[in-house]
N, C-alpha and C. Protein backbone atom coordinates (compact mmCIF):
# COMPACT_ATOMS: atom_id res chain seq x y z
N MET A 1 -13.45 102.88 -42.25
CA MET A 1 -14.37 102.51 -41.19
C MET A 1 -15.62 103.38 -41.30
N ARG A 2 -16.75 102.78 -41.20
CA ARG A 2 -18.03 103.47 -41.33
C ARG A 2 -18.42 104.11 -40.01
N PRO A 3 -18.88 105.37 -40.02
CA PRO A 3 -19.32 106.00 -38.76
C PRO A 3 -20.51 105.26 -38.17
N PRO A 4 -20.66 105.29 -36.85
CA PRO A 4 -21.74 104.56 -36.21
C PRO A 4 -23.11 105.17 -36.45
N TYR A 5 -23.18 106.40 -36.96
CA TYR A 5 -24.45 107.06 -37.22
C TYR A 5 -24.49 107.49 -38.68
N PRO A 6 -25.66 107.47 -39.30
CA PRO A 6 -25.76 107.96 -40.68
C PRO A 6 -25.32 109.43 -40.73
N ALA A 7 -24.71 109.82 -41.83
CA ALA A 7 -24.18 111.17 -41.97
C ALA A 7 -25.26 112.23 -41.83
N GLU A 8 -26.50 111.92 -42.21
CA GLU A 8 -27.54 112.93 -42.17
C GLU A 8 -28.12 113.16 -40.78
N VAL A 9 -27.79 112.33 -39.82
CA VAL A 9 -28.27 112.47 -38.46
C VAL A 9 -27.30 113.36 -37.67
N ALA A 10 -27.84 114.41 -37.07
CA ALA A 10 -27.00 115.29 -36.26
C ALA A 10 -26.71 114.61 -34.92
N VAL A 11 -25.46 114.44 -34.64
CA VAL A 11 -25.03 113.78 -33.41
C VAL A 11 -24.13 114.74 -32.65
N THR A 12 -24.34 114.84 -31.37
CA THR A 12 -23.48 115.68 -30.53
C THR A 12 -22.18 114.94 -30.30
N ARG A 13 -21.07 115.58 -30.68
CA ARG A 13 -19.74 115.00 -30.52
C ARG A 13 -19.11 115.56 -29.25
N VAL A 14 -18.74 114.65 -28.35
CA VAL A 14 -18.25 115.03 -27.03
C VAL A 14 -16.87 114.43 -26.79
N LEU A 15 -15.97 115.26 -26.29
CA LEU A 15 -14.66 114.80 -25.84
C LEU A 15 -14.59 115.03 -24.34
N ILE A 16 -14.25 113.99 -23.60
CA ILE A 16 -14.07 114.11 -22.15
C ILE A 16 -12.58 113.97 -21.87
N VAL A 17 -12.01 114.98 -21.22
CA VAL A 17 -10.58 115.01 -20.94
C VAL A 17 -10.36 114.89 -19.44
N GLY A 18 -9.49 113.98 -19.06
CA GLY A 18 -9.19 113.81 -17.64
C GLY A 18 -7.84 113.15 -17.46
N PHE A 19 -7.47 112.97 -16.22
CA PHE A 19 -6.22 112.29 -15.91
C PHE A 19 -6.44 110.78 -15.89
N ASP A 20 -5.43 110.07 -16.34
CA ASP A 20 -5.43 108.61 -16.24
C ASP A 20 -5.32 108.26 -14.76
N PRO A 21 -6.32 107.60 -14.19
CA PRO A 21 -6.26 107.31 -12.76
C PRO A 21 -5.07 106.42 -12.37
N ASN A 22 -4.58 105.63 -13.33
CA ASN A 22 -3.42 104.78 -13.03
C ASN A 22 -2.13 105.58 -12.89
N ALA A 23 -2.16 106.83 -13.34
CA ALA A 23 -0.97 107.68 -13.27
C ALA A 23 -0.99 108.60 -12.06
N LEU A 24 -2.04 108.52 -11.26
CA LEU A 24 -2.17 109.42 -10.11
C LEU A 24 -1.80 108.70 -8.81
N PRO A 25 -0.89 109.27 -8.08
CA PRO A 25 -0.50 108.64 -6.81
C PRO A 25 -1.58 108.80 -5.74
N GLY A 26 -1.73 107.77 -4.93
CA GLY A 26 -2.59 107.85 -3.77
C GLY A 26 -4.08 107.83 -4.03
N VAL A 27 -4.51 107.32 -5.17
CA VAL A 27 -5.94 107.22 -5.45
C VAL A 27 -6.30 105.77 -5.71
N ASP A 28 -7.57 105.46 -5.56
CA ASP A 28 -8.07 104.13 -5.89
C ASP A 28 -8.36 104.12 -7.38
N ALA A 29 -7.36 103.77 -8.19
CA ALA A 29 -7.46 103.85 -9.64
C ALA A 29 -8.60 103.00 -10.19
N GLU A 30 -8.83 101.83 -9.59
CA GLU A 30 -9.90 100.96 -10.08
C GLU A 30 -11.27 101.60 -9.86
N ALA A 31 -11.48 102.19 -8.71
CA ALA A 31 -12.76 102.84 -8.43
C ALA A 31 -12.97 104.04 -9.36
N ILE A 32 -11.94 104.82 -9.58
CA ILE A 32 -12.06 105.96 -10.48
C ILE A 32 -12.33 105.48 -11.90
N ALA A 33 -11.64 104.44 -12.34
CA ALA A 33 -11.85 103.89 -13.68
C ALA A 33 -13.29 103.40 -13.86
N ARG A 34 -13.85 102.77 -12.83
CA ARG A 34 -15.25 102.33 -12.90
C ARG A 34 -16.18 103.53 -13.05
N GLY A 35 -15.92 104.59 -12.30
CA GLY A 35 -16.74 105.80 -12.40
C GLY A 35 -16.63 106.44 -13.76
N LEU A 36 -15.42 106.47 -14.32
CA LEU A 36 -15.22 107.04 -15.66
C LEU A 36 -15.97 106.22 -16.71
N ALA A 37 -15.88 104.90 -16.61
CA ALA A 37 -16.57 104.03 -17.56
C ALA A 37 -18.08 104.21 -17.48
N HIS A 38 -18.59 104.32 -16.26
CA HIS A 38 -20.04 104.53 -16.06
C HIS A 38 -20.46 105.86 -16.68
N GLY A 39 -19.69 106.91 -16.45
CA GLY A 39 -20.02 108.21 -17.01
C GLY A 39 -19.98 108.20 -18.52
N LEU A 40 -19.00 107.54 -19.08
CA LEU A 40 -18.87 107.42 -20.54
C LEU A 40 -20.08 106.68 -21.12
N GLU A 41 -20.49 105.61 -20.49
CA GLU A 41 -21.66 104.84 -20.94
C GLU A 41 -22.93 105.70 -20.91
N ARG A 42 -23.06 106.53 -19.89
CA ARG A 42 -24.25 107.40 -19.77
C ARG A 42 -24.31 108.41 -20.91
N VAL A 43 -23.16 108.99 -21.26
CA VAL A 43 -23.13 109.96 -22.36
C VAL A 43 -23.46 109.26 -23.68
N GLN A 44 -22.90 108.06 -23.88
CA GLN A 44 -23.22 107.29 -25.09
C GLN A 44 -24.69 106.93 -25.14
N ALA A 45 -25.26 106.50 -24.02
CA ALA A 45 -26.67 106.11 -23.97
C ALA A 45 -27.59 107.29 -24.27
N ALA A 46 -27.12 108.50 -24.03
CA ALA A 46 -27.90 109.70 -24.33
C ALA A 46 -27.83 110.06 -25.81
N GLY A 47 -27.10 109.27 -26.59
CA GLY A 47 -27.05 109.47 -28.02
C GLY A 47 -25.88 110.29 -28.53
N CYS A 48 -24.94 110.58 -27.68
CA CYS A 48 -23.77 111.35 -28.09
C CYS A 48 -22.69 110.42 -28.63
N LEU A 49 -21.92 110.93 -29.54
CA LEU A 49 -20.72 110.25 -29.99
C LEU A 49 -19.61 110.79 -29.11
N VAL A 50 -19.06 109.95 -28.24
CA VAL A 50 -18.16 110.43 -27.19
C VAL A 50 -16.83 109.71 -27.23
N GLU A 51 -15.79 110.47 -26.98
CA GLU A 51 -14.45 109.91 -26.80
C GLU A 51 -13.92 110.42 -25.47
N GLN A 52 -13.10 109.60 -24.87
CA GLN A 52 -12.48 109.97 -23.60
C GLN A 52 -10.97 109.95 -23.77
N LEU A 53 -10.34 111.02 -23.33
CA LEU A 53 -8.89 111.12 -23.37
C LEU A 53 -8.38 111.20 -21.94
N LEU A 54 -7.64 110.18 -21.53
CA LEU A 54 -7.06 110.15 -20.19
C LEU A 54 -5.56 110.35 -20.34
N VAL A 55 -5.06 111.41 -19.75
CA VAL A 55 -3.66 111.78 -19.92
C VAL A 55 -2.88 111.55 -18.63
N PRO A 56 -1.58 111.32 -18.76
CA PRO A 56 -0.75 111.19 -17.56
C PRO A 56 -0.50 112.56 -16.95
N LEU A 57 -0.08 112.55 -15.73
CA LEU A 57 0.25 113.79 -15.03
C LEU A 57 1.72 114.10 -15.30
N ASP A 58 2.02 114.46 -16.56
CA ASP A 58 3.40 114.80 -16.92
C ASP A 58 3.39 115.80 -18.07
N GLU A 59 4.56 116.10 -18.59
CA GLU A 59 4.70 117.13 -19.62
C GLU A 59 4.05 116.75 -20.95
N SER A 60 3.72 115.50 -21.17
CA SER A 60 3.10 115.10 -22.43
C SER A 60 1.60 115.41 -22.47
N ALA A 61 1.00 115.70 -21.34
CA ALA A 61 -0.45 115.87 -21.26
C ALA A 61 -0.96 116.99 -22.16
N VAL A 62 -0.33 118.14 -22.13
CA VAL A 62 -0.81 119.28 -22.92
C VAL A 62 -0.76 118.96 -24.40
N ASP A 63 0.31 118.35 -24.86
CA ASP A 63 0.43 118.02 -26.28
C ASP A 63 -0.62 116.99 -26.69
N ARG A 64 -0.89 116.02 -25.85
CA ARG A 64 -1.90 115.00 -26.16
C ARG A 64 -3.29 115.62 -26.22
N ILE A 65 -3.57 116.54 -25.30
CA ILE A 65 -4.86 117.22 -25.31
C ILE A 65 -4.98 118.08 -26.57
N LYS A 66 -3.92 118.79 -26.91
CA LYS A 66 -3.95 119.64 -28.09
C LYS A 66 -4.25 118.83 -29.36
N ARG A 67 -3.60 117.69 -29.51
CA ARG A 67 -3.83 116.84 -30.68
C ARG A 67 -5.29 116.37 -30.74
N ALA A 68 -5.85 116.01 -29.61
CA ALA A 68 -7.23 115.53 -29.58
C ALA A 68 -8.22 116.66 -29.88
N VAL A 69 -7.95 117.83 -29.34
CA VAL A 69 -8.87 118.96 -29.51
C VAL A 69 -8.93 119.42 -30.95
N VAL A 70 -7.79 119.54 -31.60
CA VAL A 70 -7.77 120.05 -32.98
C VAL A 70 -7.98 118.93 -34.00
N GLY A 71 -7.99 117.71 -33.56
CA GLY A 71 -8.11 116.58 -34.48
C GLY A 71 -9.50 116.36 -35.04
N GLN A 72 -10.52 116.89 -34.38
CA GLN A 72 -11.91 116.69 -34.81
C GLN A 72 -12.74 117.91 -34.42
N ALA A 73 -13.92 117.98 -35.00
CA ALA A 73 -14.86 119.04 -34.63
C ALA A 73 -15.69 118.54 -33.45
N TRP A 74 -15.55 119.20 -32.31
CA TRP A 74 -16.27 118.80 -31.10
C TRP A 74 -17.40 119.79 -30.83
N ASP A 75 -18.52 119.27 -30.35
CA ASP A 75 -19.61 120.14 -29.91
C ASP A 75 -19.42 120.55 -28.46
N VAL A 76 -18.92 119.60 -27.67
CA VAL A 76 -18.68 119.84 -26.24
C VAL A 76 -17.39 119.17 -25.85
N ILE A 77 -16.59 119.88 -25.07
CA ILE A 77 -15.39 119.29 -24.48
C ILE A 77 -15.54 119.43 -22.97
N VAL A 78 -15.56 118.29 -22.30
CA VAL A 78 -15.72 118.25 -20.84
C VAL A 78 -14.33 118.13 -20.21
N ILE A 79 -14.04 119.04 -19.31
CA ILE A 79 -12.78 118.99 -18.56
C ILE A 79 -13.10 118.37 -17.21
N GLY A 80 -12.43 117.27 -16.92
CA GLY A 80 -12.70 116.52 -15.70
C GLY A 80 -12.30 117.24 -14.42
N GLY A 81 -12.97 116.84 -13.35
CA GLY A 81 -12.73 117.44 -12.05
C GLY A 81 -11.31 117.27 -11.55
N GLY A 82 -10.66 116.18 -11.95
CA GLY A 82 -9.27 115.97 -11.51
C GLY A 82 -8.33 117.03 -12.06
N ILE A 83 -8.65 117.57 -13.22
CA ILE A 83 -7.84 118.65 -13.81
C ILE A 83 -8.23 119.98 -13.20
N ARG A 84 -9.49 120.16 -12.92
CA ARG A 84 -10.02 121.45 -12.50
C ARG A 84 -9.86 121.74 -11.01
N LYS A 85 -9.94 120.75 -10.18
CA LYS A 85 -10.06 120.98 -8.75
C LYS A 85 -8.77 121.24 -7.97
N PRO A 86 -7.72 120.46 -8.15
CA PRO A 86 -6.58 120.64 -7.23
C PRO A 86 -5.88 121.99 -7.44
N GLU A 87 -5.77 122.75 -6.39
CA GLU A 87 -5.12 124.07 -6.44
C GLU A 87 -3.72 124.02 -7.05
N PRO A 88 -2.90 123.02 -6.76
CA PRO A 88 -1.56 123.00 -7.37
C PRO A 88 -1.58 122.88 -8.90
N LEU A 89 -2.71 122.46 -9.47
CA LEU A 89 -2.80 122.30 -10.92
C LEU A 89 -3.49 123.48 -11.60
N LEU A 90 -3.61 124.60 -10.92
CA LEU A 90 -4.30 125.75 -11.47
C LEU A 90 -3.71 126.20 -12.81
N GLU A 91 -2.40 126.28 -12.91
CA GLU A 91 -1.78 126.71 -14.16
C GLU A 91 -2.03 125.70 -15.28
N PHE A 92 -1.99 124.41 -14.95
CA PHE A 92 -2.29 123.38 -15.95
C PHE A 92 -3.73 123.51 -16.42
N PHE A 93 -4.65 123.68 -15.49
CA PHE A 93 -6.06 123.86 -15.82
C PHE A 93 -6.25 125.07 -16.73
N GLU A 94 -5.60 126.16 -16.40
CA GLU A 94 -5.68 127.37 -17.22
C GLU A 94 -5.15 127.11 -18.64
N THR A 95 -4.05 126.39 -18.74
CA THR A 95 -3.49 126.03 -20.04
C THR A 95 -4.47 125.20 -20.84
N VAL A 96 -5.10 124.22 -20.21
CA VAL A 96 -6.05 123.34 -20.90
C VAL A 96 -7.26 124.15 -21.40
N VAL A 97 -7.80 125.02 -20.57
CA VAL A 97 -8.96 125.82 -20.98
C VAL A 97 -8.60 126.69 -22.18
N ASN A 98 -7.46 127.35 -22.13
CA ASN A 98 -7.06 128.22 -23.24
C ASN A 98 -6.74 127.42 -24.49
N LEU A 99 -6.16 126.25 -24.34
CA LEU A 99 -5.88 125.39 -25.48
C LEU A 99 -7.19 124.95 -26.15
N ILE A 100 -8.16 124.57 -25.37
CA ILE A 100 -9.46 124.16 -25.91
C ILE A 100 -10.14 125.35 -26.58
N HIS A 101 -10.09 126.49 -25.95
CA HIS A 101 -10.72 127.69 -26.51
C HIS A 101 -10.12 128.06 -27.86
N SER A 102 -8.82 127.99 -27.99
CA SER A 102 -8.18 128.35 -29.26
C SER A 102 -8.22 127.22 -30.28
N GLY A 103 -8.14 125.97 -29.83
CA GLY A 103 -8.09 124.84 -30.75
C GLY A 103 -9.44 124.37 -31.24
N ALA A 104 -10.48 124.65 -30.48
CA ALA A 104 -11.84 124.24 -30.85
C ALA A 104 -12.80 125.36 -30.48
N PRO A 105 -12.69 126.52 -31.16
CA PRO A 105 -13.46 127.69 -30.75
C PRO A 105 -14.98 127.51 -30.82
N ALA A 106 -15.47 126.58 -31.62
CA ALA A 106 -16.92 126.38 -31.71
C ALA A 106 -17.45 125.46 -30.62
N ALA A 107 -16.56 124.76 -29.93
CA ALA A 107 -17.00 123.80 -28.90
C ALA A 107 -17.41 124.51 -27.63
N ARG A 108 -18.44 124.00 -27.01
CA ARG A 108 -18.81 124.45 -25.66
C ARG A 108 -17.84 123.76 -24.70
N ILE A 109 -17.47 124.46 -23.65
CA ILE A 109 -16.59 123.89 -22.63
C ILE A 109 -17.45 123.60 -21.40
N ALA A 110 -17.35 122.37 -20.92
CA ALA A 110 -18.13 121.95 -19.76
C ALA A 110 -17.18 121.39 -18.71
N PHE A 111 -17.66 121.36 -17.48
CA PHE A 111 -16.86 120.85 -16.36
C PHE A 111 -17.69 119.85 -15.58
N ASN A 112 -17.11 118.67 -15.35
CA ASN A 112 -17.80 117.71 -14.50
C ASN A 112 -17.17 117.73 -13.11
N SER A 113 -17.90 117.20 -12.16
CA SER A 113 -17.36 117.13 -10.80
C SER A 113 -16.68 115.80 -10.54
N ASP A 114 -17.08 114.78 -11.31
CA ASP A 114 -16.44 113.47 -11.28
C ASP A 114 -16.81 112.76 -12.57
N GLY A 115 -16.22 111.60 -12.81
CA GLY A 115 -16.45 110.89 -14.06
C GLY A 115 -17.89 110.53 -14.32
N GLY A 116 -18.67 110.39 -13.29
CA GLY A 116 -20.07 110.03 -13.45
C GLY A 116 -20.99 111.17 -13.82
N SER A 117 -20.52 112.41 -13.74
CA SER A 117 -21.39 113.55 -13.98
C SER A 117 -21.15 114.23 -15.33
N SER A 118 -20.49 113.53 -16.26
CA SER A 118 -20.21 114.13 -17.56
C SER A 118 -21.47 114.41 -18.37
N LEU A 119 -22.46 113.53 -18.29
CA LEU A 119 -23.70 113.73 -19.03
C LEU A 119 -24.38 115.02 -18.58
N GLU A 120 -24.45 115.25 -17.29
CA GLU A 120 -25.08 116.47 -16.79
C GLU A 120 -24.31 117.71 -17.24
N ALA A 121 -22.99 117.60 -17.30
CA ALA A 121 -22.17 118.72 -17.78
C ALA A 121 -22.47 119.02 -19.24
N VAL A 122 -22.58 117.97 -20.07
CA VAL A 122 -22.90 118.14 -21.49
C VAL A 122 -24.29 118.77 -21.63
N GLN A 123 -25.26 118.24 -20.93
CA GLN A 123 -26.63 118.75 -21.02
C GLN A 123 -26.71 120.20 -20.56
N ARG A 124 -25.97 120.54 -19.55
CA ARG A 124 -25.99 121.91 -19.01
C ARG A 124 -25.56 122.92 -20.05
N VAL A 125 -24.46 122.63 -20.77
CA VAL A 125 -23.95 123.62 -21.72
C VAL A 125 -24.70 123.62 -23.04
N LEU A 126 -25.46 122.56 -23.32
CA LEU A 126 -26.24 122.52 -24.56
C LEU A 126 -27.66 123.05 -24.39
N SER A 127 -28.10 123.27 -23.15
CA SER A 127 -29.47 123.74 -22.94
C SER A 127 -29.58 125.23 -23.08
C-alpha cells in the first residue's frame, strides 16, 4: 500500500488514544463518537497523518495501547480526556503515560479535553 504522502514530505504523525464510547456505561456513545470523528477530521485537515485507537475499559486496553505505541514512530500521542479525567482511572492513566514514555520516547505527549480538541493539543506540544 502506498503512503498518502510522498516520502520526502515531512508529515506529523499523530496517534490519538481514548476509550471506545460504546464500551462506556452511562454515556451517549453516538454523541461522543461524532465528537471523536470531528476531532479526527480536524487533525487530518491540518495536514497530519493521524490514527485513532479506541480501547475498551478492560484488561486488554494496556496491551492494545502498547502495540500501537511501539508499532510506529509517532511525533505526537494524544491521550484523551476520558482516560485522563476520571479519578478512579488514575492508575490506568499513569500506566498509559509511562507506557507511551518508554515505548515512544521521541513522541511528544499531549492531552485533549474532549475528542474535538485534539488538534489544539497537537499544536500546543509542537509549538
